[in-house]
Amino acid sequence: MTILKIARMGHPVLRRPAQPVESPIPAVVRQLAQDMVETMLDAPGIGLAAPQVHIGWRVVAFRVPADRSTGQPGDPVTEPRVLVNPELEPVGDEMVMGWEGCLSIPGLRGLVPRYARLRYRGYGLDGQPVEGEASGTLARVLQHEVDHLDGILYLDRMPDLTKLTFTEEMKYFAADLAGSVPPPPR
């Protein structure tokens, strides 16, 4: 397996819609998926879309580590998985705000609205259909990664860019939003 180079914001590959993968799933796509999982874990991240590694195919890798799961139904701890040609369908209209980062936008975090619950479907690397329902972190990561397949970055979803911060300033930024600013560092 290979660690792949991650495209950063500004590279045109991140703004182009990705192309569907043909069936049956070609060996080159299965190899790409393995490399994407290795790259995601090395970064470290909880999601990675093929356009982020300069490949315009509709393939996403994702996981929900124990420290990121909300414990809600539909948000299990998830070992690395891959979906080919994923499709998402919101379940209801409820939106939730949450902090997101992106391997293609290193060092920043933003407050982004996402659907609270969704249905997902696509194909596994074996070509078999995969479907399920998601909420919490799993719903958020799936929406974030599928956005990449459509040329959308999380910044495009932010209704208020004043809620964008550097990762190392998060504790101060979040405390300020909550109304309790911690003392400055010494």
N, C-alpha and C. Protein backbone atom coordinates (compact mmCIF):
# COMPACT_ATOMS: atom_id res chain seq x y z
N MET A 1 0.84 -1.19 0.00
CA MET A 1 0.00 0.00 0.00
C MET A 1 0.88 1.24 0.00
N THR A 2 0.25 2.34 -0.37
CA THR A 2 0.98 3.58 -0.56
C THR A 2 0.28 4.74 0.14
N ILE A 3 1.06 5.61 0.78
CA ILE A 3 0.52 6.86 1.32
C ILE A 3 0.45 7.83 0.15
N LEU A 4 -0.75 8.37 -0.09
CA LEU A 4 -0.98 9.25 -1.23
C LEU A 4 -0.86 10.72 -0.83
N LYS A 5 -0.52 11.56 -1.78
CA LYS A 5 -0.44 12.99 -1.55
C LYS A 5 -1.86 13.57 -1.50
N ILE A 6 -2.13 14.38 -0.49
CA ILE A 6 -3.45 14.98 -0.32
C ILE A 6 -3.49 16.35 -0.97
N ALA A 7 -4.47 16.56 -1.85
CA ALA A 7 -4.67 17.86 -2.50
C ALA A 7 -5.15 18.86 -1.46
N ARG A 8 -4.63 20.08 -1.56
CA ARG A 8 -5.04 21.13 -0.63
C ARG A 8 -5.94 22.12 -1.33
N MET A 9 -6.74 22.82 -0.52
CA MET A 9 -7.67 23.82 -1.04
C MET A 9 -6.95 24.71 -2.05
N GLY A 10 -7.58 24.91 -3.17
CA GLY A 10 -7.00 25.68 -4.26
C GLY A 10 -6.68 24.81 -5.46
N HIS A 11 -6.43 23.53 -5.22
CA HIS A 11 -6.17 22.62 -6.34
C HIS A 11 -7.50 22.36 -7.06
N PRO A 12 -7.52 22.49 -8.39
CA PRO A 12 -8.78 22.34 -9.14
C PRO A 12 -9.48 20.99 -8.97
N VAL A 13 -8.76 19.92 -8.66
CA VAL A 13 -9.38 18.60 -8.51
C VAL A 13 -10.45 18.61 -7.41
N LEU A 14 -10.28 19.49 -6.42
CA LEU A 14 -11.23 19.55 -5.31
C LEU A 14 -12.54 20.25 -5.69
N ARG A 15 -12.58 20.89 -6.83
CA ARG A 15 -13.77 21.64 -7.24
C ARG A 15 -14.50 20.99 -8.41
N ARG A 16 -14.00 19.86 -8.88
CA ARG A 16 -14.63 19.16 -10.01
C ARG A 16 -15.50 18.01 -9.50
N PRO A 17 -16.70 17.83 -10.07
CA PRO A 17 -17.49 16.64 -9.70
C PRO A 17 -16.75 15.37 -10.11
N ALA A 18 -16.78 14.39 -9.23
CA ALA A 18 -16.12 13.11 -9.50
C ALA A 18 -17.02 12.23 -10.36
N GLN A 19 -16.39 11.33 -11.08
CA GLN A 19 -17.10 10.42 -11.99
C GLN A 19 -17.46 9.11 -11.29
N PRO A 20 -18.64 8.54 -11.62
CA PRO A 20 -19.00 7.25 -11.04
C PRO A 20 -18.01 6.16 -11.46
N VAL A 21 -17.88 5.17 -10.61
CA VAL A 21 -17.03 4.02 -10.89
C VAL A 21 -17.89 2.96 -11.58
N GLU A 22 -17.34 2.36 -12.61
CA GLU A 22 -18.07 1.33 -13.36
C GLU A 22 -18.17 0.05 -12.56
N SER A 23 -19.13 -0.78 -12.95
CA SER A 23 -19.32 -2.07 -12.32
C SER A 23 -18.96 -3.15 -13.34
N PRO A 24 -18.28 -4.21 -12.96
CA PRO A 24 -17.78 -4.51 -11.62
C PRO A 24 -16.64 -3.57 -11.24
N ILE A 25 -16.39 -3.50 -9.95
CA ILE A 25 -15.36 -2.59 -9.42
C ILE A 25 -13.99 -3.04 -9.94
N PRO A 26 -13.32 -2.19 -10.73
CA PRO A 26 -12.00 -2.57 -11.26
C PRO A 26 -10.94 -2.72 -10.16
N ALA A 27 -9.95 -3.54 -10.42
CA ALA A 27 -8.85 -3.77 -9.47
C ALA A 27 -8.15 -2.46 -9.11
N VAL A 28 -8.03 -1.54 -10.07
CA VAL A 28 -7.35 -0.27 -9.80
C VAL A 28 -8.12 0.54 -8.75
N VAL A 29 -9.43 0.43 -8.71
CA VAL A 29 -10.24 1.13 -7.71
C VAL A 29 -10.07 0.46 -6.35
N ARG A 30 -10.02 -0.85 -6.32
CA ARG A 30 -9.79 -1.56 -5.05
C ARG A 30 -8.43 -1.19 -4.46
N GLN A 31 -7.41 -1.07 -5.32
CA GLN A 31 -6.09 -0.66 -4.84
C GLN A 31 -6.11 0.79 -4.34
N LEU A 32 -6.78 1.66 -5.09
CA LEU A 32 -6.92 3.05 -4.66
C LEU A 32 -7.57 3.11 -3.29
N ALA A 33 -8.63 2.35 -3.09
CA ALA A 33 -9.34 2.36 -1.81
C ALA A 33 -8.43 1.94 -0.66
N GLN A 34 -7.62 0.90 -0.86
CA GLN A 34 -6.68 0.47 0.17
C GLN A 34 -5.68 1.57 0.49
N ASP A 35 -5.18 2.23 -0.55
CA ASP A 35 -4.23 3.33 -0.36
C ASP A 35 -4.91 4.52 0.33
N MET A 36 -6.18 4.77 0.01
CA MET A 36 -6.92 5.86 0.67
C MET A 36 -7.08 5.59 2.16
N VAL A 37 -7.40 4.36 2.52
CA VAL A 37 -7.55 4.02 3.94
C VAL A 37 -6.22 4.22 4.65
N GLU A 38 -5.13 3.74 4.06
CA GLU A 38 -3.81 3.91 4.67
C GLU A 38 -3.47 5.40 4.81
N THR A 39 -3.77 6.18 3.80
CA THR A 39 -3.50 7.63 3.82
C THR A 39 -4.34 8.31 4.90
N MET A 40 -5.63 7.95 4.98
CA MET A 40 -6.53 8.53 5.98
C MET A 40 -6.01 8.25 7.39
N LEU A 41 -5.60 7.03 7.65
CA LEU A 41 -5.11 6.67 8.98
C LEU A 41 -3.79 7.36 9.29
N ASP A 42 -2.94 7.51 8.28
CA ASP A 42 -1.64 8.14 8.48
C ASP A 42 -1.78 9.64 8.74
N ALA A 43 -2.81 10.28 8.19
CA ALA A 43 -2.93 11.74 8.20
C ALA A 43 -2.96 12.38 9.59
N PRO A 44 -3.60 11.97 10.61
CA PRO A 44 -4.72 11.04 10.70
C PRO A 44 -6.04 11.78 10.47
N GLY A 45 -6.99 11.09 9.85
CA GLY A 45 -8.30 11.66 9.60
C GLY A 45 -9.38 10.63 9.82
N ILE A 46 -10.64 11.08 9.69
CA ILE A 46 -11.76 10.14 9.82
C ILE A 46 -12.50 9.98 8.50
N GLY A 47 -12.04 10.66 7.46
CA GLY A 47 -12.64 10.51 6.15
C GLY A 47 -11.69 11.00 5.07
N LEU A 48 -11.87 10.46 3.88
CA LEU A 48 -11.05 10.86 2.73
C LEU A 48 -11.81 10.48 1.47
N ALA A 49 -11.90 11.43 0.55
CA ALA A 49 -12.56 11.19 -0.74
C ALA A 49 -11.50 11.13 -1.83
N ALA A 50 -11.78 10.35 -2.88
CA ALA A 50 -10.80 10.18 -3.96
C ALA A 50 -10.30 11.51 -4.54
N PRO A 51 -11.16 12.52 -4.75
CA PRO A 51 -10.62 13.78 -5.26
C PRO A 51 -9.55 14.40 -4.36
N GLN A 52 -9.59 14.09 -3.07
CA GLN A 52 -8.58 14.63 -2.16
C GLN A 52 -7.20 14.02 -2.41
N VAL A 53 -7.16 12.90 -3.11
CA VAL A 53 -5.87 12.29 -3.46
C VAL A 53 -5.68 12.35 -4.98
N HIS A 54 -6.29 13.39 -5.60
CA HIS A 54 -6.10 13.72 -7.00
C HIS A 54 -6.73 12.74 -7.98
N ILE A 55 -7.73 11.98 -7.53
CA ILE A 55 -8.41 11.02 -8.40
C ILE A 55 -9.90 11.38 -8.46
N GLY A 56 -10.41 11.63 -9.63
CA GLY A 56 -11.80 12.08 -9.80
C GLY A 56 -12.82 10.97 -9.89
N TRP A 57 -12.79 10.03 -8.96
CA TRP A 57 -13.76 8.94 -8.91
C TRP A 57 -14.61 9.07 -7.66
N ARG A 58 -15.82 8.53 -7.70
CA ARG A 58 -16.76 8.59 -6.58
C ARG A 58 -16.47 7.45 -5.59
N VAL A 59 -15.43 7.67 -4.80
CA VAL A 59 -14.99 6.70 -3.80
C VAL A 59 -14.67 7.47 -2.52
N VAL A 60 -15.18 6.98 -1.38
CA VAL A 60 -14.87 7.59 -0.09
C VAL A 60 -14.42 6.52 0.90
N ALA A 61 -13.51 6.89 1.76
CA ALA A 61 -13.09 6.06 2.90
C ALA A 61 -13.47 6.84 4.16
N PHE A 62 -13.88 6.11 5.19
CA PHE A 62 -14.29 6.78 6.42
C PHE A 62 -14.19 5.83 7.60
N ARG A 63 -14.24 6.41 8.79
CA ARG A 63 -14.25 5.64 10.04
C ARG A 63 -14.81 6.54 11.13
N VAL A 64 -15.25 5.93 12.21
CA VAL A 64 -15.65 6.67 13.41
C VAL A 64 -14.92 6.04 14.58
N PRO A 65 -13.82 6.66 15.03
CA PRO A 65 -13.09 6.12 16.19
C PRO A 65 -13.92 6.29 17.47
N ALA A 66 -13.60 5.51 18.48
CA ALA A 66 -14.36 5.54 19.73
C ALA A 66 -14.44 6.94 20.33
N ASP A 67 -13.37 7.71 20.25
CA ASP A 67 -13.39 9.04 20.85
C ASP A 67 -14.20 10.06 20.05
N ARG A 68 -14.69 9.68 18.88
CA ARG A 68 -15.49 10.59 18.05
C ARG A 68 -16.95 10.17 17.94
N SER A 69 -17.28 8.93 18.33
CA SER A 69 -18.67 8.47 18.26
C SER A 69 -19.50 9.16 19.33
N THR A 70 -20.72 9.54 18.96
CA THR A 70 -21.63 10.15 19.93
C THR A 70 -22.33 9.10 20.78
N GLY A 71 -22.27 7.84 20.34
CA GLY A 71 -22.98 6.78 21.04
C GLY A 71 -24.46 6.72 20.70
N GLN A 72 -24.92 7.63 19.83
CA GLN A 72 -26.32 7.62 19.41
C GLN A 72 -26.58 6.41 18.53
N PRO A 73 -27.86 5.98 18.45
CA PRO A 73 -28.19 4.96 17.45
C PRO A 73 -27.81 5.50 16.06
N GLY A 74 -27.19 4.68 15.25
CA GLY A 74 -26.78 5.12 13.92
C GLY A 74 -25.40 5.75 13.88
N ASP A 75 -24.73 5.82 15.04
CA ASP A 75 -23.39 6.41 15.10
C ASP A 75 -22.44 5.45 15.82
N PRO A 76 -22.27 4.25 15.27
CA PRO A 76 -21.39 3.28 15.94
C PRO A 76 -19.92 3.60 15.72
N VAL A 77 -19.08 3.06 16.59
CA VAL A 77 -17.65 3.06 16.31
C VAL A 77 -17.49 2.23 15.04
N THR A 78 -16.80 2.80 14.06
CA THR A 78 -16.70 2.17 12.74
C THR A 78 -15.25 2.03 12.34
N GLU A 79 -14.83 0.82 12.09
CA GLU A 79 -13.50 0.59 11.53
C GLU A 79 -13.47 1.18 10.12
N PRO A 80 -12.29 1.41 9.56
CA PRO A 80 -12.23 1.99 8.21
C PRO A 80 -13.07 1.20 7.22
N ARG A 81 -13.86 1.94 6.47
CA ARG A 81 -14.74 1.37 5.45
C ARG A 81 -14.61 2.19 4.18
N VAL A 82 -15.06 1.62 3.08
CA VAL A 82 -15.03 2.30 1.79
C VAL A 82 -16.40 2.16 1.15
N LEU A 83 -16.89 3.25 0.57
CA LEU A 83 -18.11 3.23 -0.23
C LEU A 83 -17.78 3.72 -1.63
N VAL A 84 -18.27 2.99 -2.61
CA VAL A 84 -18.11 3.35 -4.01
C VAL A 84 -19.46 3.85 -4.51
N ASN A 85 -19.43 4.95 -5.24
CA ASN A 85 -20.65 5.58 -5.77
C ASN A 85 -21.69 5.81 -4.68
N PRO A 86 -21.29 6.47 -3.57
CA PRO A 86 -22.23 6.67 -2.47
C PRO A 86 -23.34 7.66 -2.83
N GLU A 87 -24.50 7.41 -2.26
CA GLU A 87 -25.65 8.32 -2.37
C GLU A 87 -26.20 8.53 -0.97
N LEU A 88 -26.60 9.76 -0.67
CA LEU A 88 -27.14 10.11 0.64
C LEU A 88 -28.55 10.67 0.48
N GLU A 89 -29.39 10.36 1.47
CA GLU A 89 -30.75 10.88 1.50
C GLU A 89 -31.06 11.31 2.93
N PRO A 90 -31.34 12.60 3.15
CA PRO A 90 -31.67 13.04 4.51
C PRO A 90 -32.91 12.32 5.03
N VAL A 91 -32.92 12.05 6.33
CA VAL A 91 -34.10 11.52 7.01
C VAL A 91 -34.61 12.67 7.87
N GLY A 92 -35.63 13.35 7.38
CA GLY A 92 -36.15 14.52 8.09
C GLY A 92 -35.40 15.77 7.71
N ASP A 93 -35.81 16.87 8.34
CA ASP A 93 -35.24 18.19 8.04
C ASP A 93 -34.29 18.70 9.12
N GLU A 94 -34.13 17.95 10.22
CA GLU A 94 -33.32 18.44 11.33
C GLU A 94 -31.86 18.62 10.92
N MET A 95 -31.34 19.81 11.21
CA MET A 95 -29.94 20.13 10.95
C MET A 95 -29.24 20.33 12.30
N VAL A 96 -27.98 19.95 12.36
CA VAL A 96 -27.19 20.16 13.57
C VAL A 96 -25.88 20.85 13.17
N MET A 97 -25.46 21.77 14.03
CA MET A 97 -24.18 22.45 13.82
C MET A 97 -23.08 21.62 14.47
N GLY A 98 -21.94 21.56 13.84
CA GLY A 98 -20.81 20.83 14.40
C GLY A 98 -19.51 21.32 13.80
N TRP A 99 -18.44 21.14 14.56
CA TRP A 99 -17.12 21.55 14.10
C TRP A 99 -16.57 20.53 13.12
N GLU A 100 -16.02 21.03 12.03
CA GLU A 100 -15.39 20.17 11.03
C GLU A 100 -14.02 20.70 10.68
N GLY A 101 -13.16 19.77 10.34
CA GLY A 101 -11.87 20.08 9.76
C GLY A 101 -11.77 19.28 8.47
N CYS A 102 -10.67 19.44 7.78
CA CYS A 102 -10.52 18.75 6.50
C CYS A 102 -9.04 18.57 6.21
N LEU A 103 -8.68 17.37 5.77
CA LEU A 103 -7.28 17.11 5.43
C LEU A 103 -6.81 17.99 4.27
N SER A 104 -7.73 18.50 3.47
CA SER A 104 -7.37 19.39 2.35
C SER A 104 -7.32 20.85 2.77
N ILE A 105 -7.73 21.15 4.00
CA ILE A 105 -7.68 22.51 4.54
C ILE A 105 -7.02 22.40 5.92
N PRO A 106 -5.74 22.05 5.95
CA PRO A 106 -5.10 21.77 7.23
C PRO A 106 -5.04 23.00 8.14
N GLY A 107 -5.21 22.71 9.44
CA GLY A 107 -5.03 23.76 10.45
C GLY A 107 -6.25 24.60 10.74
N LEU A 108 -7.37 24.38 10.08
CA LEU A 108 -8.57 25.17 10.31
C LEU A 108 -9.73 24.28 10.73
N ARG A 109 -10.68 24.87 11.46
CA ARG A 109 -11.93 24.22 11.85
C ARG A 109 -13.05 25.25 11.65
N GLY A 110 -14.21 24.73 11.26
CA GLY A 110 -15.35 25.61 11.06
C GLY A 110 -16.63 24.97 11.56
N LEU A 111 -17.60 25.81 11.93
CA LEU A 111 -18.89 25.36 12.41
C LEU A 111 -19.81 25.22 11.20
N VAL A 112 -20.27 23.96 10.96
CA VAL A 112 -20.97 23.60 9.72
C VAL A 112 -22.31 22.93 10.04
N PRO A 113 -23.39 23.36 9.38
CA PRO A 113 -24.66 22.65 9.56
C PRO A 113 -24.71 21.40 8.68
N ARG A 114 -25.23 20.32 9.23
CA ARG A 114 -25.40 19.07 8.49
C ARG A 114 -26.72 18.44 8.92
N TYR A 115 -27.27 17.58 8.04
CA TYR A 115 -28.45 16.83 8.42
C TYR A 115 -28.12 15.93 9.60
N ALA A 116 -29.05 15.84 10.55
CA ALA A 116 -28.85 15.03 11.75
C ALA A 116 -28.87 13.54 11.43
N ARG A 117 -29.74 13.15 10.50
CA ARG A 117 -29.87 11.74 10.16
C ARG A 117 -29.95 11.59 8.65
N LEU A 118 -29.45 10.46 8.17
CA LEU A 118 -29.53 10.20 6.74
C LEU A 118 -29.50 8.72 6.45
N ARG A 119 -29.92 8.39 5.24
CA ARG A 119 -29.76 7.04 4.70
C ARG A 119 -28.62 7.11 3.70
N TYR A 120 -27.82 6.08 3.68
CA TYR A 120 -26.75 6.03 2.69
C TYR A 120 -26.81 4.70 1.95
N ARG A 121 -26.32 4.74 0.73
CA ARG A 121 -26.21 3.52 -0.07
C ARG A 121 -25.05 3.70 -1.04
N GLY A 122 -24.52 2.61 -1.47
CA GLY A 122 -23.42 2.59 -2.42
C GLY A 122 -23.01 1.15 -2.59
N TYR A 123 -21.74 0.95 -2.90
CA TYR A 123 -21.22 -0.39 -3.13
C TYR A 123 -19.94 -0.58 -2.35
N GLY A 124 -19.75 -1.79 -1.86
CA GLY A 124 -18.50 -2.16 -1.24
C GLY A 124 -17.49 -2.50 -2.33
N LEU A 125 -16.26 -2.74 -1.94
CA LEU A 125 -15.22 -3.07 -2.91
C LEU A 125 -15.45 -4.41 -3.59
N ASP A 126 -16.32 -5.23 -3.00
CA ASP A 126 -16.68 -6.51 -3.61
C ASP A 126 -17.81 -6.35 -4.63
N GLY A 127 -18.29 -5.11 -4.81
CA GLY A 127 -19.36 -4.84 -5.77
C GLY A 127 -20.75 -5.06 -5.22
N GLN A 128 -20.84 -5.51 -3.97
CA GLN A 128 -22.14 -5.75 -3.35
C GLN A 128 -22.74 -4.45 -2.82
N PRO A 129 -24.06 -4.30 -2.91
CA PRO A 129 -24.71 -3.10 -2.37
C PRO A 129 -24.50 -2.98 -0.87
N VAL A 130 -24.32 -1.75 -0.42
CA VAL A 130 -24.19 -1.41 0.99
C VAL A 130 -25.20 -0.32 1.27
N GLU A 131 -25.94 -0.44 2.36
CA GLU A 131 -26.87 0.62 2.73
C GLU A 131 -27.05 0.64 4.23
N GLY A 132 -27.49 1.78 4.73
CA GLY A 132 -27.72 1.91 6.16
C GLY A 132 -28.23 3.29 6.50
N GLU A 133 -28.44 3.51 7.80
CA GLU A 133 -28.82 4.82 8.31
C GLU A 133 -27.71 5.31 9.22
N ALA A 134 -27.55 6.62 9.26
CA ALA A 134 -26.47 7.20 10.05
C ALA A 134 -26.95 8.45 10.77
N SER A 135 -26.35 8.70 11.93
CA SER A 135 -26.55 9.95 12.66
C SER A 135 -25.22 10.31 13.30
N GLY A 136 -25.18 11.42 14.01
CA GLY A 136 -23.98 11.82 14.72
C GLY A 136 -22.76 11.97 13.82
N THR A 137 -21.62 11.51 14.32
CA THR A 137 -20.36 11.65 13.59
C THR A 137 -20.39 10.92 12.25
N LEU A 138 -21.00 9.73 12.22
CA LEU A 138 -21.06 8.99 10.97
C LEU A 138 -21.83 9.77 9.91
N ALA A 139 -22.96 10.36 10.27
CA ALA A 139 -23.72 11.17 9.31
C ALA A 139 -22.90 12.37 8.84
N ARG A 140 -22.20 13.01 9.76
CA ARG A 140 -21.41 14.20 9.42
C ARG A 140 -20.26 13.84 8.48
N VAL A 141 -19.51 12.78 8.79
CA VAL A 141 -18.37 12.42 7.95
C VAL A 141 -18.84 11.98 6.56
N LEU A 142 -19.94 11.25 6.47
CA LEU A 142 -20.44 10.85 5.16
C LEU A 142 -20.84 12.06 4.33
N GLN A 143 -21.54 13.03 4.95
CA GLN A 143 -21.93 14.23 4.21
C GLN A 143 -20.70 15.03 3.76
N HIS A 144 -19.72 15.14 4.63
CA HIS A 144 -18.49 15.88 4.31
C HIS A 144 -17.77 15.22 3.12
N GLU A 145 -17.62 13.90 3.16
CA GLU A 145 -16.88 13.21 2.10
C GLU A 145 -17.65 13.20 0.78
N VAL A 146 -18.96 13.01 0.82
CA VAL A 146 -19.75 13.04 -0.42
C VAL A 146 -19.74 14.45 -1.00
N ASP A 147 -19.71 15.48 -0.16
CA ASP A 147 -19.54 16.84 -0.69
C ASP A 147 -18.27 16.94 -1.54
N HIS A 148 -17.18 16.32 -1.08
CA HIS A 148 -15.94 16.34 -1.87
C HIS A 148 -16.17 15.75 -3.26
N LEU A 149 -17.01 14.73 -3.36
CA LEU A 149 -17.28 14.11 -4.66
C LEU A 149 -18.04 15.05 -5.59
N ASP A 150 -18.69 16.05 -5.00
CA ASP A 150 -19.45 17.03 -5.78
C ASP A 150 -18.72 18.36 -5.92
N GLY A 151 -17.45 18.41 -5.50
CA GLY A 151 -16.65 19.63 -5.63
C GLY A 151 -16.97 20.68 -4.59
N ILE A 152 -17.50 20.26 -3.44
CA ILE A 152 -17.90 21.18 -2.37
C ILE A 152 -16.97 20.99 -1.17
N LEU A 153 -16.50 22.11 -0.60
CA LEU A 153 -15.69 22.08 0.62
C LEU A 153 -16.56 22.53 1.79
N TYR A 154 -16.20 22.14 3.01
CA TYR A 154 -17.02 22.50 4.16
C TYR A 154 -17.18 24.00 4.31
N LEU A 155 -16.20 24.76 3.88
CA LEU A 155 -16.31 26.22 3.93
C LEU A 155 -17.52 26.73 3.15
N ASP A 156 -17.85 26.04 2.06
CA ASP A 156 -18.99 26.43 1.24
C ASP A 156 -20.31 26.25 1.99
N ARG A 157 -20.34 25.39 2.98
CA ARG A 157 -21.54 25.09 3.76
C ARG A 157 -21.68 25.99 4.99
N MET A 158 -20.63 26.72 5.33
CA MET A 158 -20.66 27.54 6.54
C MET A 158 -21.52 28.78 6.33
N PRO A 159 -22.56 28.97 7.14
CA PRO A 159 -23.39 30.16 7.01
C PRO A 159 -22.72 31.40 7.60
N ASP A 160 -21.69 31.21 8.42
CA ASP A 160 -21.06 32.33 9.11
C ASP A 160 -19.56 32.08 9.20
N LEU A 161 -18.80 32.75 8.35
CA LEU A 161 -17.35 32.53 8.32
C LEU A 161 -16.64 33.10 9.55
N THR A 162 -17.35 33.84 10.41
CA THR A 162 -16.72 34.25 11.67
C THR A 162 -16.59 33.05 12.61
N LYS A 163 -17.18 31.92 12.25
CA LYS A 163 -17.07 30.69 13.04
C LYS A 163 -16.01 29.77 12.44
N LEU A 164 -14.99 30.36 11.83
CA LEU A 164 -13.84 29.64 11.28
C LEU A 164 -12.64 30.01 12.14
N THR A 165 -11.88 29.00 12.56
CA THR A 165 -10.76 29.26 13.46
C THR A 165 -9.60 28.31 13.16
N PHE A 166 -8.43 28.70 13.59
CA PHE A 166 -7.29 27.81 13.53
C PHE A 166 -7.46 26.73 14.61
N THR A 167 -7.06 25.53 14.29
CA THR A 167 -7.22 24.41 15.22
C THR A 167 -6.59 24.72 16.58
N GLU A 168 -5.41 25.30 16.59
CA GLU A 168 -4.73 25.56 17.87
C GLU A 168 -5.42 26.65 18.69
N GLU A 169 -6.36 27.39 18.10
CA GLU A 169 -7.11 28.41 18.83
C GLU A 169 -8.50 27.93 19.25
N MET A 170 -8.82 26.67 18.94
CA MET A 170 -10.17 26.14 19.20
C MET A 170 -10.63 26.31 20.63
N LYS A 171 -9.77 26.00 21.60
CA LYS A 171 -10.22 26.07 22.99
C LYS A 171 -10.62 27.49 23.37
N TYR A 172 -9.90 28.49 22.87
CA TYR A 172 -10.25 29.88 23.16
C TYR A 172 -11.51 30.29 22.41
N PHE A 173 -11.57 29.87 21.16
CA PHE A 173 -12.71 30.21 20.31
C PHE A 173 -13.99 29.60 20.87
N ALA A 174 -13.96 28.33 21.22
CA ALA A 174 -15.14 27.64 21.76
C ALA A 174 -15.54 28.24 23.10
N ALA A 175 -14.57 28.56 23.94
CA ALA A 175 -14.87 29.17 25.24
C ALA A 175 -15.51 30.55 25.04
N ASP A 176 -15.04 31.30 24.08
CA ASP A 176 -15.61 32.61 23.80
C ASP A 176 -17.06 32.48 23.33
N LEU A 177 -17.32 31.49 22.47
CA LEU A 177 -18.69 31.26 22.01
C LEU A 177 -19.59 30.89 23.19
N ALA A 178 -19.04 30.17 24.17
CA ALA A 178 -19.81 29.76 25.34
C ALA A 178 -19.89 30.87 26.38
N GLY A 179 -19.13 31.96 26.18
CA GLY A 179 -19.19 33.09 27.10
C GLY A 179 -18.22 33.02 28.25
N SER A 180 -17.22 32.14 28.19
CA SER A 180 -16.23 32.04 29.26
C SER A 180 -14.84 31.93 28.65
N VAL A 181 -14.19 33.05 28.48
CA VAL A 181 -12.88 33.07 27.85
C VAL A 181 -11.82 32.65 28.88
N PRO A 182 -11.02 31.62 28.56
CA PRO A 182 -9.95 31.20 29.49
C PRO A 182 -8.84 32.26 29.52
N PRO A 183 -8.01 32.21 30.57
CA PRO A 183 -6.90 33.15 30.62
C PRO A 183 -5.93 32.92 29.46
N PRO A 184 -5.21 33.97 29.05
CA PRO A 184 -4.26 33.79 27.94
C PRO A 184 -3.13 32.86 28.35
N PRO A 185 -2.49 32.20 27.34
CA PRO A 185 -1.37 31.31 27.67
C PRO A 185 -0.20 32.11 28.22
N ARG A 186 0.62 31.47 29.05
CA ARG A 186 1.80 32.14 29.64
C ARG A 186 3.01 31.83 28.83
